[in-house]
C-alpha atoms as a PDB file:
ATOM      1  CA  UNK A   1    -234.864-115.632  55.145  1.00  0.00           C
ATOM      2  CA  UNK A   2    -236.660-112.350  56.044  1.00  0.00           C
ATOM      3  CA  UNK A   3    -238.543-110.009  53.708  1.00  0.00           C
ATOM      4  CA  UNK A   4    -238.720-106.255  53.895  1.00  0.00           C
ATOM      5  CA  UNK A   5    -242.575-105.448  53.806  1.00  0.00           C
ATOM      6  CA  UNK A   6    -244.178-102.826  51.779  1.00  0.00           C
ATOM      7  CA  UNK A   7    -243.807-100.217  54.531  1.00  0.00           C
ATOM      8  CA  UNK A   8    -240.058-100.952  54.691  1.00  0.00           C
ATOM      9  CA  UNK A   9    -240.184-103.036  57.975  1.00  0.00           C
ATOM     10  CA  UNK A  10    -238.322-106.099  58.807  1.00  0.00           C
ATOM     11  CA  UNK A  11    -239.299-108.582  61.531  1.00  0.00           C
ATOM     12  CA  UNK A  12    -236.446-109.828  63.916  1.00  0.00           C
ATOM     13  CA  UNK A  13    -238.622-112.081  65.939  1.00  0.00           C
ATOM     14  CA  UNK A  14    -239.860-111.650  69.574  1.00  0.00           C
ATOM     15  CA  UNK A  15    -237.626-114.389  70.927  1.00  0.00           C
ATOM     16  CA  UNK A  16    -234.443-113.093  69.432  1.00  0.00           C
ATOM     17  CA  UNK A  17    -235.467-109.488  70.286  1.00  0.00           C
ATOM     18  CA  UNK A  18    -236.023-110.265  73.921  1.00  0.00           C
ATOM     19  CA  UNK A  19    -232.925-112.555  74.235  1.00  0.00           C
ATOM     20  CA  UNK A  20    -230.673-109.808  72.732  1.00  0.00           C
ATOM     21  CA  UNK A  21    -232.371-106.905  74.671  1.00  0.00           C
ATOM     22  CA  UNK A  22    -234.101-105.153  71.910  1.00  0.00           C
ATOM     23  CA  UNK A  23    -237.246-103.610  73.558  1.00  0.00           C
ATOM     24  CA  UNK A  24    -240.163-101.931  71.742  1.00  0.00           C
ATOM     25  CA  UNK A  25    -239.479 -98.194  71.485  1.00  0.00           C
ATOM     26  CA  UNK A  26    -235.656 -98.666  71.485  1.00  0.00           C
ATOM     27  CA  UNK A  27    -233.812 -96.809  68.803  1.00  0.00           C
ATOM     28  CA  UNK A  28    -231.425 -98.686  66.668  1.00  0.00           C
ATOM     29  CA  UNK A  29    -228.697 -97.914  64.093  1.00  0.00           C
ATOM     30  CA  UNK A  30    -227.207 -99.773  61.278  1.00  0.00           C
ATOM     31  CA  UNK A  31    -223.424-100.327  61.390  1.00  0.00           C
ATOM     32  CA  UNK A  32    -222.025-101.174  57.960  1.00  0.00           C
ATOM     33  CA  UNK A  33    -219.711-104.192  58.281  1.00  0.00           C
ATOM     34  CA  UNK A  34    -219.171-104.788  54.559  1.00  0.00           C
ATOM     35  CA  UNK A  35    -221.157-104.077  51.314  1.00  0.00           C
ATOM     36  CA  UNK A  36    -223.988-106.488  52.095  1.00  0.00           C
ATOM     37  CA  UNK A  37    -223.764-106.939  55.939  1.00  0.00           C
ATOM     38  CA  UNK A  38    -225.017-104.496  58.701  1.00  0.00           C
ATOM     39  CA  UNK A  39    -225.007-104.958  62.433  1.00  0.00           C
ATOM     40  CA  UNK A  40    -227.815-103.535  64.512  1.00  0.00           C
ATOM     41  CA  UNK A  41    -226.554-101.334  67.246  1.00  0.00           C
ATOM     42  CA  UNK A  42    -227.329 -98.679  69.721  1.00  0.00           C
ATOM     43  CA  UNK A  43    -226.940 -95.231  67.795  1.00  0.00           C
ATOM     44  CA  UNK A  44    -224.681 -93.968  70.565  1.00  0.00           C
ATOM     45  CA  UNK A  45    -222.181 -96.768  70.082  1.00  0.00           C
ATOM     46  CA  UNK A  46    -218.966 -95.794  68.138  1.00  0.00           C
ATOM     47  CA  UNK A  47    -216.502 -98.532  67.363  1.00  0.00           C
ATOM     48  CA  UNK A  48    -213.217 -98.106  65.619  1.00  0.00           C
ATOM     49  CA  UNK A  49    -213.221 -98.942  61.895  1.00  0.00           C
ATOM     50  CA  UNK A  50    -217.045 -99.150  61.692  1.00  0.00           C
ATOM     51  CA  UNK A  51    -219.401 -96.694  59.943  1.00  0.00           C
ATOM     52  CA  UNK A  52    -222.605 -95.993  61.878  1.00  0.00           C
ATOM     53  CA  UNK A  53    -225.450 -95.307  59.513  1.00  0.00           C
ATOM     54  CA  UNK A  54    -228.274 -93.455  61.173  1.00  0.00           C
ATOM     55  CA  UNK A  55    -230.477 -92.160  58.319  1.00  0.00           C
ATOM     56  CA  UNK A  56    -233.768 -92.106  60.019  1.00  0.00           C
ATOM     57  CA  UNK A  57    -235.119 -92.668  63.570  1.00  0.00           C
ATOM     58  CA  UNK A  58    -235.413 -96.377  63.481  1.00  0.00           C
ATOM     59  CA  UNK A  59    -237.277 -97.975  66.445  1.00  0.00           C
ATOM     60  CA  UNK A  60    -238.275-101.407  67.357  1.00  0.00           C
ATOM     61  CA  UNK A  61    -242.055-101.605  67.458  1.00  0.00           C
ATOM     62  CA  UNK A  62    -244.302-103.795  69.685  1.00  0.00           C
ATOM     63  CA  UNK A  63    -244.179-106.717  67.183  1.00  0.00           C
ATOM     64  CA  UNK A  64    -240.354-106.647  67.073  1.00  0.00           C
ATOM     65  CA  UNK A  65    -240.195-105.062  63.630  1.00  0.00           C
ATOM     66  CA  UNK A  66    -238.229-101.968  62.656  1.00  0.00           C
ATOM     67  CA  UNK A  67    -237.941 -99.783  59.503  1.00  0.00           C
ATOM     68  CA  UNK A  68    -234.970-100.332  57.289  1.00  0.00           C
ATOM     69  CA  UNK A  69    -233.715 -96.765  56.503  1.00  0.00           C
ATOM     70  CA  UNK A  70    -234.776 -95.666  52.985  1.00  0.00           C
ATOM     71  CA  UNK A  71    -231.313 -95.247  51.567  1.00  0.00           C
ATOM     72  CA  UNK A  72    -230.432 -98.718  52.636  1.00  0.00           C
ATOM     73  CA  UNK A  73    -233.739-100.132  51.143  1.00  0.00           C
ATOM     74  CA  UNK A  74    -232.924 -98.379  47.809  1.00  0.00           C
ATOM     75  CA  UNK A  75    -229.539-100.177  47.622  1.00  0.00           C
ATOM     76  CA  UNK A  76    -230.767-103.722  48.051  1.00  0.00           C
ATOM     77  CA  UNK A  77    -233.587-106.074  47.024  1.00  0.00           C
ATOM     78  CA  UNK A  78    -236.288-106.947  49.707  1.00  0.00           C
ATOM     79  CA  UNK A  79    -234.676-110.343  50.631  1.00  0.00           C
ATOM     80  CA  UNK A  80    -232.376-110.548  53.630  1.00  0.00           C
ATOM     81  CA  UNK A  81    -231.123-112.857  56.397  1.00  0.00           C
ATOM     82  CA  UNK A  82    -231.296-112.061  59.965  1.00  0.00           C
ATOM     83  CA  UNK A  83    -228.205-113.442  61.719  1.00  0.00           C
ATOM     84  CA  UNK A  84    -227.255-113.606  65.325  1.00  0.00           C
ATOM     85  CA  UNK A  85    -223.546-113.685  66.405  1.00  0.00           C
ATOM     86  CA  UNK A  86    -221.731-112.623  69.680  1.00  0.00           C
ATOM     87  CA  UNK A  87    -224.906-111.169  71.145  1.00  0.00           C
ATOM     88  CA  UNK A  88    -225.633-108.994  68.139  1.00  0.00           C
ATOM     89  CA  UNK A  89    -228.086-109.090  65.328  1.00  0.00           C
ATOM     90  CA  UNK A  90    -226.946-108.667  61.791  1.00  0.00           C
ATOM     91  CA  UNK A  91    -228.807-108.140  58.532  1.00  0.00           C
ATOM     92  CA  UNK A  92    -227.318-109.602  55.459  1.00  0.00           C
ATOM     93  CA  UNK A  93    -228.776-108.507  52.069  1.00  0.00           C
ATOM     94  CA  UNK A  94    -228.548-110.797  49.089  1.00  0.00           C
ATOM     95  CA  UNK A  95    -228.514-108.553  46.077  1.00  0.00           C
ATOM     96  CA  UNK A  96    -227.894-104.954  45.142  1.00  0.00           C
ATOM     97  CA  UNK A  97    -230.798-103.291  43.279  1.00  0.00           C
ATOM     98  CA  UNK A  98    -228.441-102.417  40.496  1.00  0.00           C
ATOM     99  CA  UNK A  99    -227.201-106.102  40.111  1.00  0.00           C
ATOM    100  CA  UNK A 100    -227.520-106.508  36.306  1.00  0.00           C
ATOM    101  CA  UNK A 101    -227.928-110.294  36.332  1.00  0.00           C
ATOM    102  CA  UNK A 102    -230.764-110.117  38.913  1.00  0.00           C
ATOM    103  CA  UNK A 103    -232.512-107.374  36.778  1.00  0.00           C
ATOM    104  CA  UNK A 104    -232.127-109.281  33.600  1.00  0.00           C
ATOM    105  CA  UNK A 105    -233.613-112.441  35.242  1.00  0.00           C
ATOM    106  CA  UNK A 106    -236.528-110.473  36.723  1.00  0.00           C
ATOM    107  CA  UNK A 107    -237.306-108.791  33.273  1.00  0.00           C
ATOM    108  CA  UNK A 108    -237.059-112.138  31.553  1.00  0.00           C
ATOM    109  CA  UNK A 109    -239.385-113.701  34.192  1.00  0.00           C
ATOM    110  CA  UNK A 110    -241.893-110.911  33.685  1.00  0.00           C
ATOM    111  CA  UNK A 111    -241.765-111.223  29.902  1.00  0.00           C
ATOM    112  CA  UNK A 112    -242.316-114.962  29.979  1.00  0.00           C
ATOM    113  CA  UNK A 113    -244.937-114.953  32.786  1.00  0.00           C
ATOM    114  CA  UNK A 114    -248.149-116.582  31.268  1.00  0.00           C
ATOM    115  CA  UNK A 115    -250.415-115.647  34.099  1.00  0.00           C
ATOM    116  CA  UNK A 116    -251.341-112.259  32.487  1.00  0.00           C
END
């Protein structure tokens, strides 16, 4: 499992980045596969029946991290899986921010937290 940090970055790992050809400074785009799954791609790639989401200039940095575009970050919670399939990296989010069950559990946890 991977977490989106406080600056909106997610770490893909140096080994996976090098193996799949993601170099520091390279631009990437998010291709929406379904509601919770995105494929990382070259922003110039256009495939039939896929929606390329390029909301911000997202680049891989020297530590093999990249910023998840703000509209995508606002839709999902901070937890995600980094998946590799057929030479591509995918990000699979677990929950929508608006997921009522998740919000209720979080509120209940905060109300019953005795560490305060």
